[in-house]
Amino acid sequence: MKLSWRTVLFLVSVVMPMTVIMSYLLIIASDQFVSRGSIIISEERSSSSNLDLSFLGLANSAADNDALVLKSFVLSKDMLTFLDEKLSIRAHYSGGGVDYFSRLASDATAEEFHEYYDSMIELVYDREAKLLTLTVRAFDRIFARDVVQKIIERSEEFIDALNDKISREQLRFFENELVRSERKLQKIKSQLVAFQNRHKIFSTQAEGETIIATISALETQVAQKQSELKGKLTFASDCFCATWVSSALIVAIIVSPSAWVLKILWRF
């Protein structure tokens, strides 16, 4: 029976590829296991912007920024190096028990190894729940679980170290600000002392105490003069001129009890 060209085309373009793929998946392909883990991103810092930029695909909060940083770290070469040191991940993915099309080439370069690792890791971040979901594919169920656990443990260490670094940088910034403020205060104090020396202005507290002491002394003198005046009033007819001088002195002290008035009076 002669087949039409349409039938031949259908068999070649659809049936044969599907048969090859199904044969590979059912017979040749190695079993792959999936392990998942979740990391909760807590938002302890307020967002620096109140604008909603999520529709542009940009981070809109501190938690979103932390998630982006953590996602980059999980997919980084540093994480791959850590996993290879702890779990020999290269040996697992390039093992002889893995089929040819799925395994990593034994002579793969560092860049090829990193690309292969990225293809076996999936990270999905839920902005609403602040949840970063990690999915790892491997050719052994226990190994996939171990990879997820190690990634989460290393991520926690990374976040702790990052927070500690930020805290130390903030502390260093505040210490520098404190030193700068102290230097500024010392400069202002020096300027103030120079101004006081230039204008003959001394300690405000000392001047206040001097003024209070002067007023107290003047009040004592006023009381003494009043007593003397009462005694002299009995002899007003005999010494009118002396009484007038004492009264003038008392009036001047009561009206302006200050140091400079006192100096003028004594000079007079």
Protein backbone atom coordinates (compact mmCIF):
# COMPACT_ATOMS: atom_id res chain seq x y z
CA MET A 1 0.00 0.00 0.00
CA LYS A 2 1.35 3.33 -1.04
CA LEU A 3 1.23 6.08 1.58
CA SER A 4 0.36 9.61 0.64
CA TRP A 5 2.88 12.37 1.19
CA ARG A 6 0.64 13.85 3.88
CA THR A 7 0.77 10.59 5.84
CA VAL A 8 4.52 10.32 5.46
CA LEU A 9 4.95 13.92 6.60
CA PHE A 10 2.74 13.28 9.65
CA LEU A 11 4.68 10.16 10.59
CA VAL A 12 8.05 11.85 10.22
CA SER A 13 7.20 15.15 11.93
CA VAL A 14 4.87 13.93 14.69
CA VAL A 15 4.77 10.19 15.28
CA MET A 16 8.47 9.43 15.10
CA PRO A 17 9.60 12.33 17.38
CA MET A 18 6.90 11.45 19.90
CA THR A 19 7.98 7.81 19.82
CA VAL A 20 11.61 8.72 20.40
CA ILE A 21 10.72 11.09 23.25
CA MET A 22 8.42 8.59 24.93
CA SER A 23 11.00 5.83 24.58
CA TYR A 24 13.64 8.05 26.13
CA LEU A 25 11.44 9.12 29.03
CA LEU A 26 10.15 5.61 29.77
CA ILE A 27 13.26 3.54 29.14
CA ILE A 28 16.43 5.59 29.08
CA ALA A 29 15.88 8.73 31.17
CA SER A 30 17.03 8.59 34.77
CA ASP A 31 14.51 9.23 37.48
CA GLN A 32 14.59 12.75 38.87
CA PHE A 33 13.41 13.68 42.34
CA VAL A 34 12.15 17.05 43.46
CA SER A 35 12.59 18.53 46.93
CA ARG A 36 11.12 21.84 48.05
CA GLY A 37 11.81 24.22 50.90
CA SER A 38 10.61 27.68 51.87
CA ILE A 39 12.34 30.67 53.38
CA ILE A 40 10.28 33.35 55.11
CA ILE A 41 11.57 36.86 54.45
CA SER A 42 10.76 38.97 57.51
CA GLU A 43 10.39 42.70 56.91
CA GLU A 44 12.09 44.45 59.85
CA ARG A 45 12.98 47.64 58.03
CA SER A 46 10.51 50.07 56.62
CA SER A 47 10.45 50.60 52.89
CA SER A 48 12.43 53.58 51.68
CA SER A 49 9.72 54.42 49.16
CA ASN A 50 5.97 54.57 49.45
CA LEU A 51 5.46 54.20 45.70
CA ASP A 52 4.17 50.88 44.43
CA LEU A 53 6.72 49.83 41.81
CA SER A 54 5.79 46.15 41.72
CA PHE A 55 4.05 46.53 38.35
CA LEU A 56 7.48 47.40 36.89
CA GLY A 57 9.00 44.27 38.35
CA LEU A 58 10.99 46.30 40.89
CA ALA A 59 11.35 45.60 44.60
CA ASN A 60 8.94 47.67 46.66
CA SER A 61 9.96 46.88 50.24
CA ALA A 62 12.88 45.84 52.40
CA ALA A 63 11.66 42.23 52.31
CA ASP A 64 11.58 42.30 48.50
CA ASN A 65 15.14 43.62 48.44
CA ASP A 66 16.26 40.88 50.85
CA ALA A 67 14.56 38.25 48.70
CA LEU A 68 16.36 39.48 45.58
CA VAL A 69 19.69 39.44 47.39
CA LEU A 70 19.05 35.95 48.77
CA LYS A 71 17.91 34.65 45.39
CA SER A 72 21.09 35.92 43.77
CA PHE A 73 23.16 34.31 46.51
CA VAL A 74 21.47 30.89 46.16
CA LEU A 75 22.17 30.90 42.42
CA SER A 76 25.71 32.22 42.81
CA LYS A 77 28.99 30.43 42.30
CA ASP A 78 29.73 30.81 45.99
CA MET A 79 26.73 28.68 46.87
CA LEU A 80 27.69 26.14 44.20
CA THR A 81 31.21 25.92 45.63
CA PHE A 82 29.80 25.46 49.12
CA LEU A 83 27.46 22.65 47.99
CA ASP A 84 30.24 20.93 46.08
CA GLU A 85 32.45 21.01 49.18
CA LYS A 86 29.72 19.69 51.48
CA LEU A 87 27.80 17.29 49.21
CA SER A 88 30.04 16.69 46.15
CA ILE A 89 27.27 17.97 43.92
CA ARG A 90 29.40 17.77 40.76
CA ALA A 91 30.02 14.07 41.31
CA HIS A 92 26.31 13.46 41.81
CA TYR A 93 25.16 15.23 38.64
CA SER A 94 27.95 13.75 36.50
CA GLY A 95 27.72 10.21 37.91
CA GLY A 96 27.73 7.16 35.65
CA GLY A 97 24.26 6.12 36.81
CA VAL A 98 22.70 9.18 35.18
CA ASP A 99 21.67 8.97 31.54
CA TYR A 100 23.79 10.70 28.95
CA PHE A 101 21.31 13.45 28.09
CA SER A 102 20.60 14.42 31.72
CA ARG A 103 23.96 14.25 33.38
CA LEU A 104 26.66 16.87 33.62
CA ALA A 105 29.69 16.26 31.46
CA SER A 106 32.62 15.00 33.48
CA ASP A 107 34.94 17.53 31.83
CA ALA A 108 32.51 20.43 32.16
CA THR A 109 34.06 23.83 32.80
CA ALA A 110 33.19 25.96 35.81
CA GLU A 111 30.81 28.05 33.69
CA GLU A 112 29.08 24.95 32.30
CA PHE A 113 28.82 23.51 35.79
CA HIS A 114 27.22 26.75 37.03
CA GLU A 115 24.74 26.81 34.14
CA TYR A 116 23.81 23.20 34.84
CA TYR A 117 23.31 24.00 38.52
CA ASP A 118 21.02 26.92 37.65
CA SER A 119 18.94 24.59 35.49
CA MET A 120 18.41 22.22 38.44
CA ILE A 121 17.42 24.98 40.90
CA GLU A 122 14.20 26.98 40.84
CA LEU A 123 13.38 29.94 43.08
CA VAL A 124 9.95 31.57 43.25
CA TYR A 125 9.24 34.58 45.47
CA ASP A 126 5.71 35.39 46.66
CA ARG A 127 5.56 39.14 47.36
CA GLU A 128 2.27 38.90 49.22
CA ALA A 129 3.32 36.11 51.58
CA LYS A 130 7.00 37.24 51.70
CA LEU A 131 7.91 33.62 50.99
CA LEU A 132 10.81 32.38 48.88
CA THR A 133 10.19 28.83 47.63
CA LEU A 134 13.19 26.71 46.67
CA THR A 135 12.90 23.69 44.37
CA VAL A 136 15.80 21.31 43.71
CA ARG A 137 15.93 18.49 41.19
CA ALA A 138 18.37 15.62 41.66
CA PHE A 139 18.75 11.96 40.75
CA ASP A 140 18.35 10.75 44.31
CA ARG A 141 15.53 11.59 46.72
CA ILE A 142 17.74 11.89 49.80
CA PHE A 143 20.35 13.91 47.92
CA ALA A 144 17.72 16.40 46.73
CA ARG A 145 16.52 16.83 50.31
CA ASP A 146 20.08 17.33 51.55
CA VAL A 147 20.73 19.99 48.93
CA VAL A 148 17.64 21.92 50.02
CA GLN A 149 18.65 21.71 53.69
CA LYS A 150 22.20 22.87 52.98
CA ILE A 151 20.99 25.76 50.84
CA ILE A 152 18.61 26.92 53.58
CA GLU A 153 21.29 26.59 56.28
CA ARG A 154 23.83 28.49 54.20
CA SER A 155 21.24 31.15 53.35
CA GLU A 156 20.51 31.71 57.03
CA GLU A 157 24.23 32.12 57.73
CA PHE A 158 24.50 34.53 54.81
CA ILE A 159 21.56 36.63 56.04
CA ASP A 160 22.94 36.69 59.59
CA ALA A 161 26.36 37.76 58.33
CA LEU A 162 24.75 40.38 56.09
CA ASN A 163 22.68 41.78 58.97
CA ASP A 164 25.76 41.80 61.20
CA LYS A 165 27.71 43.68 58.53
CA ILE A 166 24.91 46.21 58.12
CA SER A 167 24.71 46.67 61.90
CA ARG A 168 28.47 47.21 62.15
CA GLU A 169 28.38 49.70 59.28
CA GLN A 170 25.52 51.57 60.93
CA LEU A 171 27.39 51.55 64.25
CA ARG A 172 30.53 52.82 62.53
CA PHE A 173 28.49 55.56 60.85
CA PHE A 174 26.95 56.68 64.15
CA GLU A 175 30.35 56.60 65.85
CA ASN A 176 31.79 58.79 63.10
CA GLU A 177 28.84 61.15 63.45
CA LEU A 178 29.40 61.27 67.20
CA VAL A 179 33.08 62.12 66.74
CA ARG A 180 32.16 64.75 64.16
CA SER A 181 29.58 66.25 66.53
CA GLU A 182 32.08 66.31 69.41
CA ARG A 183 34.63 68.08 67.23
CA LYS A 184 32.00 70.59 66.18
CA LEU A 185 31.04 71.13 69.83
CA GLN A 186 34.67 71.68 70.81
CA LYS A 187 35.04 74.17 67.97
CA ILE A 188 31.94 76.06 69.10
CA LYS A 189 33.20 76.06 72.69
CA SER A 190 36.54 77.47 71.56
CA GLN A 191 34.76 80.17 69.59
CA LEU A 192 32.61 80.98 72.61
CA VAL A 193 35.63 81.23 74.93
CA ALA A 194 37.39 83.47 72.42
CA PHE A 195 34.29 85.67 72.19
CA GLN A 196 34.06 85.89 76.00
CA ASN A 197 37.73 86.77 76.32
CA ARG A 198 37.49 89.38 73.57
CA HIS A 199 34.47 91.08 75.15
CA LYS A 200 35.54 90.49 78.76
CA ILE A 201 32.63 88.17 79.39
CA PHE A 202 33.32 85.46 81.89
CA SER A 203 31.33 82.54 83.15
CA THR A 204 27.59 83.21 83.13
CA GLN A 205 27.14 81.24 86.32
CA ALA A 206 29.91 83.17 88.05
CA GLU A 207 28.47 86.50 86.88
CA GLY A 208 25.03 85.49 88.14
CA GLU A 209 26.44 84.59 91.54
CA THR A 210 28.32 87.91 91.63
CA ILE A 211 25.16 89.87 90.81
CA ILE A 212 23.17 88.05 93.51
CA ALA A 213 25.93 88.68 96.06
CA THR A 214 26.05 92.36 95.07
CA ILE A 215 22.28 92.74 95.43
CA SER A 216 22.39 91.08 98.85
CA ALA A 217 25.17 93.43 99.95
CA LEU A 218 23.22 96.43 98.68
CA GLU A 219 20.10 95.32 100.52
CA THR A 220 22.17 95.04 103.71
CA GLN A 221 23.56 98.53 103.17
CA VAL A 222 20.03 99.85 102.57
CA ALA A 223 18.84 98.34 105.83
CA GLN A 224 21.80 99.83 107.67
CA LYS A 225 21.23 103.27 106.15
CA GLN A 226 17.54 103.13 107.01
CA SER A 227 18.44 102.37 110.61
CA GLU A 228 20.94 105.20 110.64
CA LEU A 229 18.35 107.51 109.08
CA LYS A 230 15.78 106.74 111.75
CA GLY A 231 18.35 107.52 114.41
CA LYS A 232 19.32 110.74 112.75
CA LEU A 233 15.75 111.95 112.31
CA THR A 234 15.63 112.69 116.03
CA PHE A 235 18.37 115.21 115.44
CA ALA A 236 17.00 116.60 112.17
CA SER A 237 16.96 120.17 113.41
CA ASP A 238 20.66 120.03 114.30
CA CYS A 239 22.11 118.20 111.23
CA PHE A 240 19.71 118.74 108.31
CA CYS A 241 22.50 118.82 105.74
CA ALA A 242 23.97 115.41 106.75
CA THR A 243 20.53 113.80 106.70
CA TRP A 244 19.90 115.07 103.15
CA VAL A 245 23.12 113.46 101.91
CA SER A 246 22.24 110.09 103.53
CA SER A 247 18.72 110.13 102.04
CA ALA A 248 20.08 110.80 98.58
CA LEU A 249 22.45 107.86 98.93
CA ILE A 250 19.64 105.49 100.02
CA VAL A 251 17.37 106.55 97.15
CA ALA A 252 20.12 105.95 94.61
CA ILE A 253 20.79 102.45 95.99
CA ILE A 254 17.11 101.47 95.98
CA VAL A 255 16.43 102.70 92.42
CA SER A 256 19.51 101.05 90.77
CA PRO A 257 21.14 98.39 92.98
CA SER A 258 23.83 97.43 90.47
CA ALA A 259 27.59 97.33 90.57
CA TRP A 260 28.21 100.19 88.16
CA VAL A 261 25.81 102.56 89.99
CA LEU A 262 27.55 101.68 93.22
CA LYS A 263 30.89 102.54 91.68
CA ILE A 264 29.57 105.92 90.52
CA LEU A 265 28.13 106.70 93.94
CA TRP A 266 31.35 105.80 95.73
CA ARG A 267 33.28 107.88 93.22
CA PHE A 268 30.90 110.77 93.86
